[in-house]
């Protein structure tokens, strides 16, 4: 019988679970060729976008199909900006084992956990201040999950809209961080050595000239061919550039933009799973600039869906 699982059930089941090891395992399996992940399906609409991601792990029980939408303007209407669901199906016979009605929550969480994974492996040993570019759901979740991989609690945030910045500060006030709003992205970049970008910008926000030596930048928002948050010169001059999926990043995100600008060659990019496993070298010195491009890979959906099913009572 197909299980239909609500967001509330999922939040209760895995809300306090450390998902970093599971997502790490997923990236390693992907880099080792143990995951089958077809190209992303995508609908770009006038007011939003829909991504269809799907795949399976070799020798696993299930395959997963995920539909996730993003409509940024929903925030101004008091609606959630993200939505979606995941179908978990049997590899043996195609039966639908579970419908995860997560409303986009699992996508948000697995994206944020990937940011924590990247920081764990690429951030400098001493993070002095965390910079968050953006004030939406992903900005909040990235910061929340970074708490598990760094002891730094000083944060600078920038957002386009003062009202949303104020809302961010209010909603994050009860957390472990001391957060200061900065007037522009340059001020964030100059004062932070771990920066996470979480916007839907189509123009670069973080400039190479504003970033200090030893900084790590995780670009999360640029998951389509047109989005662009980090100046391509940053990837040109970075000592380490990492893709969650090299194949995918050739077509979308910051790596795609840098290659198109002639500032980067595919051979200069490491895949995250190889950095995690030690096959490729990540940061070797705290003076290096490093950049990670997270476009979102179906293997993350596979692993978080498995975590949900494992955490729920059998037959529930």
C-alpha atoms as a PDB file:
ATOM      1  CA  UNK A   1       0.000   0.000   0.000  1.00  0.00           C
ATOM      2  CA  UNK A   2       1.281   3.462  -0.895  1.00  0.00           C
ATOM      3  CA  UNK A   3       2.085   5.596   2.121  1.00  0.00           C
ATOM      4  CA  UNK A   4       1.112   9.257   1.936  1.00  0.00           C
ATOM      5  CA  UNK A   5       3.282  11.249   4.298  1.00  0.00           C
ATOM      6  CA  UNK A   6       2.656  14.872   5.209  1.00  0.00           C
ATOM      7  CA  UNK A   7       5.169  17.594   5.849  1.00  0.00           C
ATOM      8  CA  UNK A   8       4.267  17.620   9.544  1.00  0.00           C
ATOM      9  CA  UNK A   9       5.067  13.919   9.811  1.00  0.00           C
ATOM     10  CA  UNK A  10       8.393  14.442   8.060  1.00  0.00           C
ATOM     11  CA  UNK A  11       9.367  17.366  10.255  1.00  0.00           C
ATOM     12  CA  UNK A  12       8.597  15.299  13.336  1.00  0.00           C
ATOM     13  CA  UNK A  13      10.534  12.306  12.005  1.00  0.00           C
ATOM     14  CA  UNK A  14      13.779  13.978  10.894  1.00  0.00           C
ATOM     15  CA  UNK A  15      13.581  17.501  12.300  1.00  0.00           C
ATOM     16  CA  UNK A  16      16.377  16.859  14.788  1.00  0.00           C
ATOM     17  CA  UNK A  17      18.394  14.373  12.720  1.00  0.00           C
ATOM     18  CA  UNK A  18      21.966  15.090  11.651  1.00  0.00           C
ATOM     19  CA  UNK A  19      21.616  14.666   7.894  1.00  0.00           C
ATOM     20  CA  UNK A  20      25.192  15.657   7.015  1.00  0.00           C
ATOM     21  CA  UNK A  21      26.528  12.057   6.879  1.00  0.00           C
ATOM     22  CA  UNK A  22      23.673  10.895   4.631  1.00  0.00           C
ATOM     23  CA  UNK A  23      24.134  13.766   2.179  1.00  0.00           C
ATOM     24  CA  UNK A  24      27.905  13.193   2.200  1.00  0.00           C
ATOM     25  CA  UNK A  25      27.318   9.534   1.336  1.00  0.00           C
ATOM     26  CA  UNK A  26      25.061  10.595  -1.521  1.00  0.00           C
ATOM     27  CA  UNK A  27      27.639  12.910  -3.043  1.00  0.00           C
ATOM     28  CA  UNK A  28      30.362  10.282  -2.751  1.00  0.00           C
ATOM     29  CA  UNK A  29      28.164   7.662  -4.414  1.00  0.00           C
ATOM     30  CA  UNK A  30      27.338  10.107  -7.201  1.00  0.00           C
ATOM     31  CA  UNK A  31      31.003  10.955  -7.832  1.00  0.00           C
ATOM     32  CA  UNK A  32      31.879   7.250  -7.883  1.00  0.00           C
ATOM     33  CA  UNK A  33      29.286   6.506 -10.553  1.00  0.00           C
ATOM     34  CA  UNK A  34      26.981   4.638  -8.183  1.00  0.00           C
ATOM     35  CA  UNK A  35      24.018   6.931  -8.863  1.00  0.00           C
ATOM     36  CA  UNK A  36      21.920   7.242 -12.006  1.00  0.00           C
ATOM     37  CA  UNK A  37      20.788  10.850 -12.330  1.00  0.00           C
ATOM     38  CA  UNK A  38      19.308  11.986 -15.677  1.00  0.00           C
ATOM     39  CA  UNK A  39      19.383  15.658 -16.738  1.00  0.00           C
ATOM     40  CA  UNK A  40      17.158  18.069 -14.835  1.00  0.00           C
ATOM     41  CA  UNK A  41      13.652  18.702 -16.144  1.00  0.00           C
ATOM     42  CA  UNK A  42      12.763  22.344 -15.924  1.00  0.00           C
ATOM     43  CA  UNK A  43       9.833  24.684 -16.493  1.00  0.00           C
ATOM     44  CA  UNK A  44      10.662  28.381 -16.430  1.00  0.00           C
ATOM     45  CA  UNK A  45       7.422  30.305 -15.951  1.00  0.00           C
ATOM     46  CA  UNK A  46       6.801  34.068 -16.001  1.00  0.00           C
ATOM     47  CA  UNK A  47       6.565  34.236 -12.204  1.00  0.00           C
ATOM     48  CA  UNK A  48       8.458  31.155 -11.087  1.00  0.00           C
ATOM     49  CA  UNK A  49      10.128  27.909 -11.960  1.00  0.00           C
ATOM     50  CA  UNK A  50       9.607  24.173 -11.571  1.00  0.00           C
ATOM     51  CA  UNK A  51      12.421  21.617 -11.373  1.00  0.00           C
ATOM     52  CA  UNK A  52      11.966  17.886 -11.909  1.00  0.00           C
ATOM     53  CA  UNK A  53      14.837  15.790 -10.564  1.00  0.00           C
ATOM     54  CA  UNK A  54      14.956  12.026 -10.388  1.00  0.00           C
ATOM     55  CA  UNK A  55      17.294   9.087 -10.100  1.00  0.00           C
ATOM     56  CA  UNK A  56      18.401   6.082  -8.101  1.00  0.00           C
ATOM     57  CA  UNK A  57      21.386   4.579  -6.342  1.00  0.00           C
ATOM     58  CA  UNK A  58      22.786   1.309  -7.648  1.00  0.00           C
ATOM     59  CA  UNK A  59      21.732  -1.657  -5.467  1.00  0.00           C
ATOM     60  CA  UNK A  60      19.181   0.488  -3.603  1.00  0.00           C
ATOM     61  CA  UNK A  61      15.528  -0.445  -3.113  1.00  0.00           C
ATOM     62  CA  UNK A  62      13.914   2.659  -4.562  1.00  0.00           C
ATOM     63  CA  UNK A  63      14.075   5.356  -7.167  1.00  0.00           C
ATOM     64  CA  UNK A  64      12.885   8.902  -6.444  1.00  0.00           C
ATOM     65  CA  UNK A  65      11.100  11.492  -8.579  1.00  0.00           C
ATOM     66  CA  UNK A  66      11.007  15.009  -7.134  1.00  0.00           C
ATOM     67  CA  UNK A  67       8.994  18.008  -8.321  1.00  0.00           C
ATOM     68  CA  UNK A  68       9.925  21.306  -6.685  1.00  0.00           C
ATOM     69  CA  UNK A  69       8.682  24.787  -7.519  1.00  0.00           C
ATOM     70  CA  UNK A  70       9.853  28.253  -6.583  1.00  0.00           C
ATOM     71  CA  UNK A  71       7.728  31.386  -6.877  1.00  0.00           C
ATOM     72  CA  UNK A  72       9.644  34.222  -5.119  1.00  0.00           C
ATOM     73  CA  UNK A  73       6.761  36.690  -5.461  1.00  0.00           C
ATOM     74  CA  UNK A  74       4.608  34.519  -3.208  1.00  0.00           C
ATOM     75  CA  UNK A  75       6.285  36.071  -0.172  1.00  0.00           C
ATOM     76  CA  UNK A  76       4.652  39.419  -0.889  1.00  0.00           C
ATOM     77  CA  UNK A  77       1.271  37.672  -0.956  1.00  0.00           C
ATOM     78  CA  UNK A  78       1.807  35.887   2.335  1.00  0.00           C
ATOM     79  CA  UNK A  79       2.328  32.556   0.591  1.00  0.00           C
ATOM     80  CA  UNK A  80       5.195  30.077   0.810  1.00  0.00           C
ATOM     81  CA  UNK A  81       7.723  30.662  -1.991  1.00  0.00           C
ATOM     82  CA  UNK A  82       8.435  26.952  -2.463  1.00  0.00           C
ATOM     83  CA  UNK A  83       6.333  23.841  -2.964  1.00  0.00           C
ATOM     84  CA  UNK A  84       6.656  20.293  -4.200  1.00  0.00           C
ATOM     85  CA  UNK A  85       6.557  16.586  -3.485  1.00  0.00           C
ATOM     86  CA  UNK A  86       8.610  13.419  -3.887  1.00  0.00           C
ATOM     87  CA  UNK A  87       7.545  10.017  -5.204  1.00  0.00           C
ATOM     88  CA  UNK A  88       9.451   7.054  -3.806  1.00  0.00           C
ATOM     89  CA  UNK A  89       9.052   3.995  -6.042  1.00  0.00           C
ATOM     90  CA  UNK A  90      10.302   0.415  -5.990  1.00  0.00           C
ATOM     91  CA  UNK A  91      13.223  -0.391  -8.266  1.00  0.00           C
ATOM     92  CA  UNK A  92      11.966  -3.974  -8.410  1.00  0.00           C
ATOM     93  CA  UNK A  93       8.475  -3.408  -9.795  1.00  0.00           C
ATOM     94  CA  UNK A  94       7.786   0.341 -10.044  1.00  0.00           C
ATOM     95  CA  UNK A  95       5.198   0.338  -7.260  1.00  0.00           C
ATOM     96  CA  UNK A  96       4.839   3.691  -5.506  1.00  0.00           C
ATOM     97  CA  UNK A  97       6.060   3.036  -1.985  1.00  0.00           C
ATOM     98  CA  UNK A  98       5.449   6.537  -0.660  1.00  0.00           C
ATOM     99  CA  UNK A  99       4.259   9.992  -1.634  1.00  0.00           C
ATOM    100  CA  UNK A 100       6.140  12.607   0.373  1.00  0.00           C
ATOM    101  CA  UNK A 101       3.926  15.709   0.450  1.00  0.00           C
ATOM    102  CA  UNK A 102       6.705  17.881   1.780  1.00  0.00           C
ATOM    103  CA  UNK A 103       5.552  21.207   0.227  1.00  0.00           C
ATOM    104  CA  UNK A 104       9.166  21.794  -0.824  1.00  0.00           C
ATOM    105  CA  UNK A 105      10.499  21.416   2.728  1.00  0.00           C
ATOM    106  CA  UNK A 106      12.718  18.425   1.953  1.00  0.00           C
ATOM    107  CA  UNK A 107      14.278  20.275  -0.972  1.00  0.00           C
ATOM    108  CA  UNK A 108      14.967  23.272   1.253  1.00  0.00           C
ATOM    109  CA  UNK A 109      16.519  21.099   3.956  1.00  0.00           C
ATOM    110  CA  UNK A 110      18.679  18.930   1.697  1.00  0.00           C
ATOM    111  CA  UNK A 111      19.980  22.099  -0.002  1.00  0.00           C
ATOM    112  CA  UNK A 112      20.903  23.633   3.336  1.00  0.00           C
ATOM    113  CA  UNK A 113      22.561  20.429   4.524  1.00  0.00           C
ATOM    114  CA  UNK A 114      24.644  20.414   1.334  1.00  0.00           C
ATOM    115  CA  UNK A 115      25.820  23.896   2.315  1.00  0.00           C
ATOM    116  CA  UNK A 116      26.919  22.522   5.678  1.00  0.00           C
ATOM    117  CA  UNK A 117      28.720  19.640   3.937  1.00  0.00           C
ATOM    118  CA  UNK A 118      30.614  22.092   1.752  1.00  0.00           C
ATOM    119  CA  UNK A 119      31.567  24.279   4.713  1.00  0.00           C
ATOM    120  CA  UNK A 120      32.769  21.215   6.611  1.00  0.00           C
ATOM    121  CA  UNK A 121      35.194  20.328   3.822  1.00  0.00           C
ATOM    122  CA  UNK A 122      36.157  23.698   2.324  1.00  0.00           C
ATOM    123  CA  UNK A 123      35.775  26.487   4.886  1.00  0.00           C
ATOM    124  CA  UNK A 124      38.940  27.810   6.562  1.00  0.00           C
ATOM    125  CA  UNK A 125      39.862  26.222   9.877  1.00  0.00           C
ATOM    126  CA  UNK A 126      38.872  29.363  11.742  1.00  0.00           C
ATOM    127  CA  UNK A 127      35.667  30.931  10.478  1.00  0.00           C
ATOM    128  CA  UNK A 128      35.661  34.458  11.889  1.00  0.00           C
ATOM    129  CA  UNK A 129      32.327  35.666  10.503  1.00  0.00           C
ATOM    130  CA  UNK A 130      29.630  34.090   8.343  1.00  0.00           C
ATOM    131  CA  UNK A 131      28.132  36.118   5.517  1.00  0.00           C
ATOM    132  CA  UNK A 132      24.612  35.384   4.302  1.00  0.00           C
ATOM    133  CA  UNK A 133      23.527  37.017   1.043  1.00  0.00           C
ATOM    134  CA  UNK A 134      19.731  36.853   0.919  1.00  0.00           C
ATOM    135  CA  UNK A 135      17.002  36.706   3.557  1.00  0.00           C
ATOM    136  CA  UNK A 136      14.613  33.978   2.417  1.00  0.00           C
ATOM    137  CA  UNK A 137      13.906  30.449   3.568  1.00  0.00           C
ATOM    138  CA  UNK A 138      17.199  29.118   2.251  1.00  0.00           C
ATOM    139  CA  UNK A 139      19.174  31.865   3.957  1.00  0.00           C
ATOM    140  CA  UNK A 140      17.649  30.862   7.286  1.00  0.00           C
ATOM    141  CA  UNK A 141      18.199  27.151   6.755  1.00  0.00           C
ATOM    142  CA  UNK A 142      21.772  27.544   5.549  1.00  0.00           C
ATOM    143  CA  UNK A 143      22.624  29.433   8.716  1.00  0.00           C
ATOM    144  CA  UNK A 144      20.779  26.931  10.888  1.00  0.00           C
ATOM    145  CA  UNK A 145      22.690  23.956   9.480  1.00  0.00           C
ATOM    146  CA  UNK A 146      26.048  25.721   9.487  1.00  0.00           C
ATOM    147  CA  UNK A 147      25.830  25.719  13.286  1.00  0.00           C
ATOM    148  CA  UNK A 148      26.608  21.996  13.234  1.00  0.00           C
ATOM    149  CA  UNK A 149      29.910  22.330  11.332  1.00  0.00           C
ATOM    150  CA  UNK A 150      31.425  25.589  12.598  1.00  0.00           C
ATOM    151  CA  UNK A 151      31.734  27.186  16.003  1.00  0.00           C
ATOM    152  CA  UNK A 152      31.454  30.685  14.538  1.00  0.00           C
ATOM    153  CA  UNK A 153      28.392  32.565  15.739  1.00  0.00           C
ATOM    154  CA  UNK A 154      29.055  36.012  14.247  1.00  0.00           C
ATOM    155  CA  UNK A 155      26.961  36.676  11.145  1.00  0.00           C
ATOM    156  CA  UNK A 156      26.515  39.457   8.603  1.00  0.00           C
ATOM    157  CA  UNK A 157      23.433  39.481   6.384  1.00  0.00           C
ATOM    158  CA  UNK A 158      22.369  41.492   3.360  1.00  0.00           C
ATOM    159  CA  UNK A 159      19.035  41.576   1.590  1.00  0.00           C
ATOM    160  CA  UNK A 160      17.488  43.740  -1.111  1.00  0.00           C
ATOM    161  CA  UNK A 161      14.422  44.690   0.917  1.00  0.00           C
ATOM    162  CA  UNK A 162      14.731  46.313   4.363  1.00  0.00           C
ATOM    163  CA  UNK A 163      11.438  44.764   5.483  1.00  0.00           C
ATOM    164  CA  UNK A 164      12.701  41.266   4.687  1.00  0.00           C
ATOM    165  CA  UNK A 165      16.002  41.962   6.420  1.00  0.00           C
ATOM    166  CA  UNK A 166      14.096  43.039   9.529  1.00  0.00           C
ATOM    167  CA  UNK A 167      11.970  39.909   9.341  1.00  0.00           C
ATOM    168  CA  UNK A 168      15.114  37.778   9.021  1.00  0.00           C
ATOM    169  CA  UNK A 169      16.666  39.415  12.090  1.00  0.00           C
ATOM    170  CA  UNK A 170      13.477  38.955  14.089  1.00  0.00           C
ATOM    171  CA  UNK A 171      12.936  35.335  13.131  1.00  0.00           C
ATOM    172  CA  UNK A 172      16.586  34.383  13.769  1.00  0.00           C
ATOM    173  CA  UNK A 173      16.855  36.306  17.054  1.00  0.00           C
ATOM    174  CA  UNK A 174      16.238  33.243  19.219  1.00  0.00           C
ATOM    175  CA  UNK A 175      19.022  31.260  17.553  1.00  0.00           C
ATOM    176  CA  UNK A 176      22.671  30.942  18.613  1.00  0.00           C
ATOM    177  CA  UNK A 177      23.954  33.649  16.251  1.00  0.00           C
ATOM    178  CA  UNK A 178      24.726  37.333  16.675  1.00  0.00           C
ATOM    179  CA  UNK A 179      23.507  38.793  13.381  1.00  0.00           C
ATOM    180  CA  UNK A 180      24.223  42.212  11.946  1.00  0.00           C
ATOM    181  CA  UNK A 181      22.587  43.642   8.836  1.00  0.00           C
ATOM    182  CA  UNK A 182      25.023  45.209   6.364  1.00  0.00           C
ATOM    183  CA  UNK A 183      24.156  47.951   3.854  1.00  0.00           C
ATOM    184  CA  UNK A 184      25.544  46.125   0.821  1.00  0.00           C
ATOM    185  CA  UNK A 185      27.063  42.840  -0.311  1.00  0.00           C
ATOM    186  CA  UNK A 186      30.535  44.366  -0.434  1.00  0.00           C
ATOM    187  CA  UNK A 187      30.412  45.010   3.321  1.00  0.00           C
ATOM    188  CA  UNK A 188      29.418  41.383   3.894  1.00  0.00           C
ATOM    189  CA  UNK A 189      32.200  40.092   1.664  1.00  0.00           C
ATOM    190  CA  UNK A 190      34.901  42.267   3.207  1.00  0.00           C
ATOM    191  CA  UNK A 191      34.092  41.182   6.763  1.00  0.00           C
ATOM    192  CA  UNK A 192      33.376  37.458   6.361  1.00  0.00           C
ATOM    193  CA  UNK A 193      35.501  34.460   5.430  1.00  0.00           C
ATOM    194  CA  UNK A 194      32.587  32.054   4.927  1.00  0.00           C
ATOM    195  CA  UNK A 195      29.961  33.453   2.545  1.00  0.00           C
ATOM    196  CA  UNK A 196      26.755  31.775   1.366  1.00  0.00           C
ATOM    197  CA  UNK A 197      24.681  33.273  -1.440  1.00  0.00           C
ATOM    198  CA  UNK A 198      21.005  32.290  -1.518  1.00  0.00           C
ATOM    199  CA  UNK A 199      19.313  34.632  -3.982  1.00  0.00           C
ATOM    200  CA  UNK A 200      17.656  34.307  -7.382  1.00  0.00           C
ATOM    201  CA  UNK A 201      19.846  37.065  -8.826  1.00  0.00           C
ATOM    202  CA  UNK A 202      20.742  37.087 -12.515  1.00  0.00           C
ATOM    203  CA  UNK A 203      23.534  39.624 -11.963  1.00  0.00           C
ATOM    204  CA  UNK A 204      26.702  38.984  -9.902  1.00  0.00           C
ATOM    205  CA  UNK A 205      26.473  40.178  -6.314  1.00  0.00           C
ATOM    206  CA  UNK A 206      29.767  39.026  -4.768  1.00  0.00           C
ATOM    207  CA  UNK A 207      32.822  40.630  -6.392  1.00  0.00           C
ATOM    208  CA  UNK A 208      36.343  39.244  -6.313  1.00  0.00           C
ATOM    209  CA  UNK A 209      37.750  42.597  -5.219  1.00  0.00           C
ATOM    210  CA  UNK A 210      35.664  42.547  -2.042  1.00  0.00           C
ATOM    211  CA  UNK A 211      36.711  39.072  -0.891  1.00  0.00           C
ATOM    212  CA  UNK A 212      39.662  38.608   1.430  1.00  0.00           C
ATOM    213  CA  UNK A 213      42.257  35.831   0.998  1.00  0.00           C
ATOM    214  CA  UNK A 214      41.210  32.664   2.789  1.00  0.00           C
ATOM    215  CA  UNK A 215      37.494  33.103   2.092  1.00  0.00           C
ATOM    216  CA  UNK A 216      35.173  30.302   1.076  1.00  0.00           C
ATOM    217  CA  UNK A 217      32.063  31.099  -0.994  1.00  0.00           C
ATOM    218  CA  UNK A 218      29.145  28.690  -1.390  1.00  0.00           C
ATOM    219  CA  UNK A 219      26.796  29.686  -4.214  1.00  0.00           C
ATOM    220  CA  UNK A 220      23.372  28.169  -3.631  1.00  0.00           C
ATOM    221  CA  UNK A 221      20.912  30.343  -5.503  1.00  0.00           C
ATOM    222  CA  UNK A 222      22.189  29.991  -9.070  1.00  0.00           C
ATOM    223  CA  UNK A 223      20.523  26.732 -10.095  1.00  0.00           C
ATOM    224  CA  UNK A 224      19.447  27.696 -13.632  1.00  0.00           C
ATOM    225  CA  UNK A 225      21.388  28.765 -16.746  1.00  0.00           C
ATOM    226  CA  UNK A 226      20.500  32.431 -16.170  1.00  0.00           C
ATOM    227  CA  UNK A 227      20.986  32.910 -12.424  1.00  0.00           C
ATOM    228  CA  UNK A 228      24.306  34.410 -11.398  1.00  0.00           C
ATOM    229  CA  UNK A 229      25.434  35.497  -7.905  1.00  0.00           C
ATOM    230  CA  UNK A 230      29.246  35.390  -7.966  1.00  0.00           C
ATOM    231  CA  UNK A 231      31.564  37.332 -10.269  1.00  0.00           C
ATOM    232  CA  UNK A 232      33.148  34.924 -12.753  1.00  0.00           C
ATOM    233  CA  UNK A 233      36.601  36.325 -11.946  1.00  0.00           C
ATOM    234  CA  UNK A 234      36.170  34.775  -8.492  1.00  0.00           C
ATOM    235  CA  UNK A 235      36.135  31.312 -10.020  1.00  0.00           C
ATOM    236  CA  UNK A 236      39.013  32.251 -12.316  1.00  0.00           C
ATOM    237  CA  UNK A 237      41.247  33.211  -9.387  1.00  0.00           C
ATOM    238  CA  UNK A 238      40.046  30.695  -6.783  1.00  0.00           C
ATOM    239  CA  UNK A 239      42.532  27.998  -5.864  1.00  0.00           C
ATOM    240  CA  UNK A 240      39.731  25.436  -5.539  1.00  0.00           C
ATOM    241  CA  UNK A 241      36.435  25.328  -7.453  1.00  0.00           C
ATOM    242  CA  UNK A 242      33.989  22.568  -6.551  1.00  0.00           C
ATOM    243  CA  UNK A 243      30.781  21.414  -8.262  1.00  0.00           C
ATOM    244  CA  UNK A 244      28.075  19.306  -6.678  1.00  0.00           C
ATOM    245  CA  UNK A 245      27.727  17.771 -10.162  1.00  0.00           C
ATOM    246  CA  UNK A 246      30.233  18.738 -12.830  1.00  0.00           C
ATOM    247  CA  UNK A 247      27.921  17.524 -15.596  1.00  0.00           C
ATOM    248  CA  UNK A 248      25.088  19.653 -14.255  1.00  0.00           C
ATOM    249  CA  UNK A 249      27.242  22.697 -13.504  1.00  0.00           C
ATOM    250  CA  UNK A 250      28.439  22.825 -17.102  1.00  0.00           C
ATOM    251  CA  UNK A 251      24.867  23.762 -17.994  1.00  0.00           C
ATOM    252  CA  UNK A 252      23.751  25.939 -15.069  1.00  0.00           C
ATOM    253  CA  UNK A 253      25.040  27.921 -12.123  1.00  0.00           C
ATOM    254  CA  UNK A 254      28.261  29.788 -11.436  1.00  0.00           C
ATOM    255  CA  UNK A 255      30.584  27.303 -13.122  1.00  0.00           C
ATOM    256  CA  UNK A 256      28.492  27.506 -16.279  1.00  0.00           C
ATOM    257  CA  UNK A 257      28.748  31.308 -16.186  1.00  0.00           C
ATOM    258  CA  UNK A 258      32.517  31.279 -15.606  1.00  0.00           C
ATOM    259  CA  UNK A 259      33.138  28.831 -18.455  1.00  0.00           C
ATOM    260  CA  UNK A 260      30.974  30.904 -20.792  1.00  0.00           C
ATOM    261  CA  UNK A 261      33.015  33.984 -19.845  1.00  0.00           C
ATOM    262  CA  UNK A 262      36.265  32.187 -20.638  1.00  0.00           C
ATOM    263  CA  UNK A 263      37.377  32.368 -17.004  1.00  0.00           C
ATOM    264  CA  UNK A 264      37.328  28.651 -16.209  1.00  0.00           C
ATOM    265  CA  UNK A 265      37.925  25.280 -17.837  1.00  0.00           C
ATOM    266  CA  UNK A 266      36.034  22.125 -16.812  1.00  0.00           C
ATOM    267  CA  UNK A 267      39.375  20.533 -15.980  1.00  0.00           C
ATOM    268  CA  UNK A 268      39.797  23.127 -13.234  1.00  0.00           C
ATOM    269  CA  UNK A 269      36.717  21.933 -11.335  1.00  0.00           C
ATOM    270  CA  UNK A 270      36.611  19.244  -8.623  1.00  0.00           C
ATOM    271  CA  UNK A 271      33.475  17.289  -7.844  1.00  0.00           C
ATOM    272  CA  UNK A 272      32.228  17.526  -4.272  1.00  0.00           C
ATOM    273  CA  UNK A 273      31.965  13.769  -3.747  1.00  0.00           C
ATOM    274  CA  UNK A 274      35.619  13.348  -4.679  1.00  0.00           C
ATOM    275  CA  UNK A 275      36.642  16.086  -2.234  1.00  0.00           C
ATOM    276  CA  UNK A 276      34.651  14.410   0.539  1.00  0.00           C
ATOM    277  CA  UNK A 277      36.220  11.000  -0.148  1.00  0.00           C
ATOM    278  CA  UNK A 278      39.732  12.393  -0.577  1.00  0.00           C
ATOM    279  CA  UNK A 279      40.064  11.458  -4.245  1.00  0.00           C
ATOM    280  CA  UNK A 280      40.426  15.171  -5.071  1.00  0.00           C
ATOM    281  CA  UNK A 281      42.153  17.804  -3.013  1.00  0.00           C
ATOM    282  CA  UNK A 282      40.108  20.546  -1.424  1.00  0.00           C
ATOM    283  CA  UNK A 283      41.427  23.427   0.648  1.00  0.00           C
ATOM    284  CA  UNK A 284      45.055  22.948   1.688  1.00  0.00           C
ATOM    285  CA  UNK A 285      45.795  26.393   3.095  1.00  0.00           C
ATOM    286  CA  UNK A 286      43.805  28.973   5.026  1.00  0.00           C
ATOM    287  CA  UNK A 287      44.928  31.706   2.648  1.00  0.00           C
ATOM    288  CA  UNK A 288      43.175  30.103  -0.334  1.00  0.00           C
ATOM    289  CA  UNK A 289      39.962  31.351  -1.903  1.00  0.00           C
ATOM    290  CA  UNK A 290      37.588  28.449  -2.532  1.00  0.00           C
ATOM    291  CA  UNK A 291      34.217  28.372  -4.288  1.00  0.00           C
ATOM    292  CA  UNK A 292      31.504  25.713  -4.350  1.00  0.00           C
ATOM    293  CA  UNK A 293      28.646  25.738  -6.838  1.00  0.00           C
ATOM    294  CA  UNK A 294      25.534  23.938  -5.553  1.00  0.00           C
ATOM    295  CA  UNK A 295      22.937  23.468  -8.278  1.00  0.00           C
ATOM    296  CA  UNK A 296      21.086  20.666  -6.473  1.00  0.00           C
ATOM    297  CA  UNK A 297      21.477  17.010  -7.434  1.00  0.00           C
ATOM    298  CA  UNK A 298      18.820  14.284  -7.332  1.00  0.00           C
ATOM    299  CA  UNK A 299      21.072  12.132  -5.161  1.00  0.00           C
ATOM    300  CA  UNK A 300      20.356  14.563  -2.322  1.00  0.00           C
ATOM    301  CA  UNK A 301      16.631  13.917  -2.766  1.00  0.00           C
ATOM    302  CA  UNK A 302      17.236  10.174  -2.813  1.00  0.00           C
ATOM    303  CA  UNK A 303      19.161  10.288   0.454  1.00  0.00           C
ATOM    304  CA  UNK A 304      16.771  12.588   2.315  1.00  0.00           C
ATOM    305  CA  UNK A 305      13.759  10.558   1.149  1.00  0.00           C
ATOM    306  CA  UNK A 306      15.477   7.434   2.493  1.00  0.00           C
ATOM    307  CA  UNK A 307      16.101   9.218   5.787  1.00  0.00           C
ATOM    308  CA  UNK A 308      12.403  10.051   6.078  1.00  0.00           C
ATOM    309  CA  UNK A 309      11.286   6.467   5.424  1.00  0.00           C
ATOM    310  CA  UNK A 310      13.863   5.077   7.845  1.00  0.00           C
ATOM    311  CA  UNK A 311      12.764   7.455  10.600  1.00  0.00           C
ATOM    312  CA  UNK A 312       9.032   6.820  10.309  1.00  0.00           C
ATOM    313  CA  UNK A 313       7.349   3.974  12.182  1.00  0.00           C
ATOM    314  CA  UNK A 314       6.942   0.952   9.943  1.00  0.00           C
ATOM    315  CA  UNK A 315       3.457   0.876   8.505  1.00  0.00           C
ATOM    316  CA  UNK A 316       2.798   4.425   9.713  1.00  0.00           C
END
